[in-house]
Amino acid sequence: MSKQEFLDQLRRNISSMNDYVVVNDTMAYYEDYIESQIRMGKSEQEVMAMLGDPRLIAKSILATQDAKQNLKDSNIEEEEKAAREKVFTRKGKTYRIPYLLYQIIIALVICVVIFAAFSLLAWMAPVIVIAVLSYMTYKFIKSIFY
């Protein structure tokens, strides 16, 4: 088998991958490898014999790419899962709360705080109004007599 036949057969067998960058990088790697071995004094036939069957090489490359894709997919699933839940650690225990529930709890806490602030303000409003009116009266009387 010649170098060109090897490369053509390898390209045909790995061209089913959708990642053309990987295909082109692989082809460039094998072409450079063959050229470097020939420059080192080996014949083209010796290099082809060392490399073996391009279909087996293609199967290995495809299997590796599938494994990488599966790993990438599982990492994406883990990231999506982590984005859907809030994780707390307390006293060595890990608690996981769905993110929607976490947002609802935060919204309820904010509502309770606002309600408490307005309730306190409503209770203190008469006291504040009386204190402000008293202070203004004091200042007015002070300005008249002094």
C-alpha atoms as a PDB file:
ATOM      1  CA  MET A   1       0.000   0.000   0.000  1.00  0.00           C
ATOM      2  CA  SER A   2       1.335   3.436  -0.867  1.00  0.00           C
ATOM      3  CA  LYS A   3       1.309   6.501   1.326  1.00  0.00           C
ATOM      4  CA  GLN A   4      -1.472   8.108  -0.711  1.00  0.00           C
ATOM      5  CA  GLU A   5      -3.644   4.968  -0.602  1.00  0.00           C
ATOM      6  CA  PHE A   6      -3.150   4.768   3.167  1.00  0.00           C
ATOM      7  CA  LEU A   7      -4.119   8.416   3.679  1.00  0.00           C
ATOM      8  CA  ASP A   8      -7.121   8.145   1.325  1.00  0.00           C
ATOM      9  CA  GLN A   9      -8.419   5.055   3.086  1.00  0.00           C
ATOM     10  CA  LEU A  10      -7.884   6.636   6.507  1.00  0.00           C
ATOM     11  CA  ARG A  11      -9.735   9.793   5.442  1.00  0.00           C
ATOM     12  CA  ARG A  12     -12.658   7.764   4.070  1.00  0.00           C
ATOM     13  CA  ASN A  13     -12.950   5.835   7.324  1.00  0.00           C
ATOM     14  CA  ILE A  14     -12.790   8.824   9.669  1.00  0.00           C
ATOM     15  CA  SER A  15     -14.800  11.220   7.529  1.00  0.00           C
ATOM     16  CA  SER A  16     -17.999  10.074   9.290  1.00  0.00           C
ATOM     17  CA  MET A  17     -16.989  12.278  12.239  1.00  0.00           C
ATOM     18  CA  ASN A  18     -18.749  15.621  12.266  1.00  0.00           C
ATOM     19  CA  ASP A  19     -15.682  17.323  13.708  1.00  0.00           C
ATOM     20  CA  TYR A  20     -13.731  18.339  10.629  1.00  0.00           C
ATOM     21  CA  VAL A  21     -10.986  19.898  12.719  1.00  0.00           C
ATOM     22  CA  VAL A  22     -10.210  16.485  14.221  1.00  0.00           C
ATOM     23  CA  VAL A  23     -10.298  14.863  10.778  1.00  0.00           C
ATOM     24  CA  ASN A  24      -7.907  17.442   9.328  1.00  0.00           C
ATOM     25  CA  ASP A  25      -5.610  17.314  12.365  1.00  0.00           C
ATOM     26  CA  THR A  26      -5.497  13.516  12.193  1.00  0.00           C
ATOM     27  CA  MET A  27      -4.724  13.526   8.503  1.00  0.00           C
ATOM     28  CA  ALA A  28      -1.987  16.133   8.977  1.00  0.00           C
ATOM     29  CA  TYR A  29      -0.513  14.098  11.852  1.00  0.00           C
ATOM     30  CA  TYR A  30      -0.295  10.876   9.837  1.00  0.00           C
ATOM     31  CA  GLU A  31       1.049  12.635   6.770  1.00  0.00           C
ATOM     32  CA  ASP A  32       3.747  14.353   8.863  1.00  0.00           C
ATOM     33  CA  TYR A  33       4.538  11.098  10.647  1.00  0.00           C
ATOM     34  CA  ILE A  34       4.989   9.182   7.388  1.00  0.00           C
ATOM     35  CA  GLU A  35       7.154  11.962   5.935  1.00  0.00           C
ATOM     36  CA  SER A  36       9.337  12.119   9.053  1.00  0.00           C
ATOM     37  CA  GLN A  37       9.851   8.331   9.027  1.00  0.00           C
ATOM     38  CA  ILE A  38      10.834   8.441   5.353  1.00  0.00           C
ATOM     39  CA  ARG A  39      13.283  11.299   6.065  1.00  0.00           C
ATOM     40  CA  MET A  40      14.810   9.140   8.815  1.00  0.00           C
ATOM     41  CA  GLY A  41      15.690   6.547   6.181  1.00  0.00           C
ATOM     42  CA  LYS A  42      12.798   4.098   6.226  1.00  0.00           C
ATOM     43  CA  SER A  43      11.122   3.105   3.011  1.00  0.00           C
ATOM     44  CA  GLU A  44       7.497   3.964   2.344  1.00  0.00           C
ATOM     45  CA  GLN A  45       6.583   0.268   2.495  1.00  0.00           C
ATOM     46  CA  GLU A  46       8.281  -0.143   5.906  1.00  0.00           C
ATOM     47  CA  VAL A  47       6.387   2.835   7.315  1.00  0.00           C
ATOM     48  CA  MET A  48       3.081   1.504   5.955  1.00  0.00           C
ATOM     49  CA  ALA A  49       3.821  -1.907   7.473  1.00  0.00           C
ATOM     50  CA  MET A  50       4.582  -0.254  10.853  1.00  0.00           C
ATOM     51  CA  LEU A  51       1.337   1.721  10.812  1.00  0.00           C
ATOM     52  CA  GLY A  52      -0.843  -1.225   9.881  1.00  0.00           C
ATOM     53  CA  ASP A  53      -4.378  -1.193   8.575  1.00  0.00           C
ATOM     54  CA  PRO A  54      -5.845   2.329   8.231  1.00  0.00           C
ATOM     55  CA  ARG A  55      -9.324   0.945   8.984  1.00  0.00           C
ATOM     56  CA  LEU A  56      -8.161  -0.212  12.436  1.00  0.00           C
ATOM     57  CA  ILE A  57      -6.548   3.154  13.062  1.00  0.00           C
ATOM     58  CA  ALA A  58      -9.803   4.854  12.027  1.00  0.00           C
ATOM     59  CA  LYS A  59     -11.811   2.611  14.370  1.00  0.00           C
ATOM     60  CA  SER A  60      -9.516   3.571  17.244  1.00  0.00           C
ATOM     61  CA  ILE A  61      -9.842   7.256  16.434  1.00  0.00           C
ATOM     62  CA  LEU A  62     -13.638   7.011  16.165  1.00  0.00           C
ATOM     63  CA  ALA A  63     -13.858   5.090  19.457  1.00  0.00           C
ATOM     64  CA  THR A  64     -11.701   7.702  21.174  1.00  0.00           C
ATOM     65  CA  GLN A  65     -13.849  10.522  19.817  1.00  0.00           C
ATOM     66  CA  ASP A  66     -17.024   8.748  20.954  1.00  0.00           C
ATOM     67  CA  ALA A  67     -15.562   8.335  24.441  1.00  0.00           C
ATOM     68  CA  LYS A  68     -14.570  12.020  24.517  1.00  0.00           C
ATOM     69  CA  GLN A  69     -18.058  13.038  23.364  1.00  0.00           C
ATOM     70  CA  ASN A  70     -19.704  10.837  26.006  1.00  0.00           C
ATOM     71  CA  LEU A  71     -17.480  12.355  28.685  1.00  0.00           C
ATOM     72  CA  LYS A  72     -18.267  15.850  27.413  1.00  0.00           C
ATOM     73  CA  ASP A  73     -22.007  15.062  27.394  1.00  0.00           C
ATOM     74  CA  SER A  74     -21.884  13.720  30.957  1.00  0.00           C
ATOM     75  CA  ASN A  75     -19.981  16.819  32.102  1.00  0.00           C
ATOM     76  CA  ILE A  76     -22.611  19.032  30.483  1.00  0.00           C
ATOM     77  CA  GLU A  77     -25.367  17.041  32.218  1.00  0.00           C
ATOM     78  CA  GLU A  78     -23.587  17.457  35.567  1.00  0.00           C
ATOM     79  CA  GLU A  79     -23.232  21.212  34.996  1.00  0.00           C
ATOM     80  CA  GLU A  80     -26.900  21.500  34.061  1.00  0.00           C
ATOM     81  CA  LYS A  81     -27.873  19.509  37.143  1.00  0.00           C
ATOM     82  CA  ALA A  82     -25.669  21.695  39.332  1.00  0.00           C
ATOM     83  CA  ALA A  83     -27.277  24.777  37.807  1.00  0.00           C
ATOM     84  CA  ARG A  84     -30.724  23.452  38.735  1.00  0.00           C
ATOM     85  CA  GLU A  85     -29.928  23.016  42.431  1.00  0.00           C
ATOM     86  CA  LYS A  86     -28.331  24.948  45.256  1.00  0.00           C
ATOM     87  CA  VAL A  87     -25.821  23.053  47.386  1.00  0.00           C
ATOM     88  CA  PHE A  88     -25.201  23.862  51.053  1.00  0.00           C
ATOM     89  CA  THR A  89     -22.731  22.185  53.379  1.00  0.00           C
ATOM     90  CA  ARG A  90     -23.246  22.381  57.096  1.00  0.00           C
ATOM     91  CA  LYS A  91     -21.432  20.385  59.783  1.00  0.00           C
ATOM     92  CA  GLY A  92     -20.076  18.003  57.181  1.00  0.00           C
ATOM     93  CA  LYS A  93     -23.470  17.281  55.636  1.00  0.00           C
ATOM     94  CA  THR A  94     -24.361  18.333  52.119  1.00  0.00           C
ATOM     95  CA  TYR A  95     -27.854  19.564  51.397  1.00  0.00           C
ATOM     96  CA  ARG A  96     -29.188  19.946  47.875  1.00  0.00           C
ATOM     97  CA  ILE A  97     -32.200  22.154  47.250  1.00  0.00           C
ATOM     98  CA  PRO A  98     -33.809  22.526  43.822  1.00  0.00           C
ATOM     99  CA  TYR A  99     -32.995  25.984  42.539  1.00  0.00           C
ATOM    100  CA  LEU A 100     -36.660  26.925  42.032  1.00  0.00           C
ATOM    101  CA  LEU A 101     -37.432  26.047  45.665  1.00  0.00           C
ATOM    102  CA  TYR A 102     -34.384  28.061  46.744  1.00  0.00           C
ATOM    103  CA  GLN A 103     -35.679  31.091  44.807  1.00  0.00           C
ATOM    104  CA  ILE A 104     -39.140  30.705  46.343  1.00  0.00           C
ATOM    105  CA  ILE A 105     -37.642  30.560  49.850  1.00  0.00           C
ATOM    106  CA  ILE A 106     -35.563  33.692  49.182  1.00  0.00           C
ATOM    107  CA  ALA A 107     -38.636  35.510  47.815  1.00  0.00           C
ATOM    108  CA  LEU A 108     -40.649  34.535  50.923  1.00  0.00           C
ATOM    109  CA  VAL A 109     -37.876  35.732  53.239  1.00  0.00           C
ATOM    110  CA  ILE A 110     -37.739  39.059  51.397  1.00  0.00           C
ATOM    111  CA  CYS A 111     -41.538  39.408  51.676  1.00  0.00           C
ATOM    112  CA  VAL A 112     -41.430  38.675  55.417  1.00  0.00           C
ATOM    113  CA  VAL A 113     -38.657  41.244  55.945  1.00  0.00           C
ATOM    114  CA  ILE A 114     -40.566  43.895  53.953  1.00  0.00           C
ATOM    115  CA  PHE A 115     -43.784  43.086  55.824  1.00  0.00           C
ATOM    116  CA  ALA A 116     -41.972  43.323  59.176  1.00  0.00           C
ATOM    117  CA  ALA A 117     -40.381  46.633  58.194  1.00  0.00           C
ATOM    118  CA  PHE A 118     -43.719  48.144  57.146  1.00  0.00           C
ATOM    119  CA  SER A 119     -45.473  46.764  60.235  1.00  0.00           C
ATOM    120  CA  LEU A 120     -42.814  48.313  62.430  1.00  0.00           C
ATOM    121  CA  LEU A 121     -43.041  51.544  60.469  1.00  0.00           C
ATOM    122  CA  ALA A 122     -46.849  51.552  60.780  1.00  0.00           C
ATOM    123  CA  TRP A 123     -46.589  51.060  64.528  1.00  0.00           C
ATOM    124  CA  MET A 124     -43.924  53.722  64.874  1.00  0.00           C
ATOM    125  CA  ALA A 125     -45.473  56.235  62.444  1.00  0.00           C
ATOM    126  CA  PRO A 126     -47.564  58.013  65.089  1.00  0.00           C
ATOM    127  CA  VAL A 127     -44.554  58.179  67.399  1.00  0.00           C
ATOM    128  CA  ILE A 128     -42.378  59.529  64.604  1.00  0.00           C
ATOM    129  CA  VAL A 129     -45.010  62.108  63.578  1.00  0.00           C
ATOM    130  CA  ILE A 130     -45.411  63.294  67.179  1.00  0.00           C
ATOM    131  CA  ALA A 131     -41.628  63.475  67.645  1.00  0.00           C
ATOM    132  CA  VAL A 132     -41.161  65.475  64.426  1.00  0.00           C
ATOM    133  CA  LEU A 133     -44.024  67.851  65.279  1.00  0.00           C
ATOM    134  CA  SER A 134     -42.658  68.307  68.800  1.00  0.00           C
ATOM    135  CA  TYR A 135     -39.190  69.093  67.455  1.00  0.00           C
ATOM    136  CA  MET A 136     -40.587  71.565  64.933  1.00  0.00           C
ATOM    137  CA  THR A 137     -42.692  73.243  67.652  1.00  0.00           C
ATOM    138  CA  TYR A 138     -39.641  73.461  69.924  1.00  0.00           C
ATOM    139  CA  LYS A 139     -37.594  75.056  67.154  1.00  0.00           C
ATOM    140  CA  PHE A 140     -40.401  77.506  66.351  1.00  0.00           C
ATOM    141  CA  ILE A 141     -40.857  78.553  69.969  1.00  0.00           C
ATOM    142  CA  LYS A 142     -37.103  78.814  70.439  1.00  0.00           C
ATOM    143  CA  SER A 143     -36.786  81.098  67.399  1.00  0.00           C
ATOM    144  CA  ILE A 144     -39.533  83.413  68.708  1.00  0.00           C
ATOM    145  CA  PHE A 145     -38.282  83.815  72.284  1.00  0.00           C
ATOM    146  CA  TYR A 146     -34.559  83.742  71.748  1.00  0.00           C
END
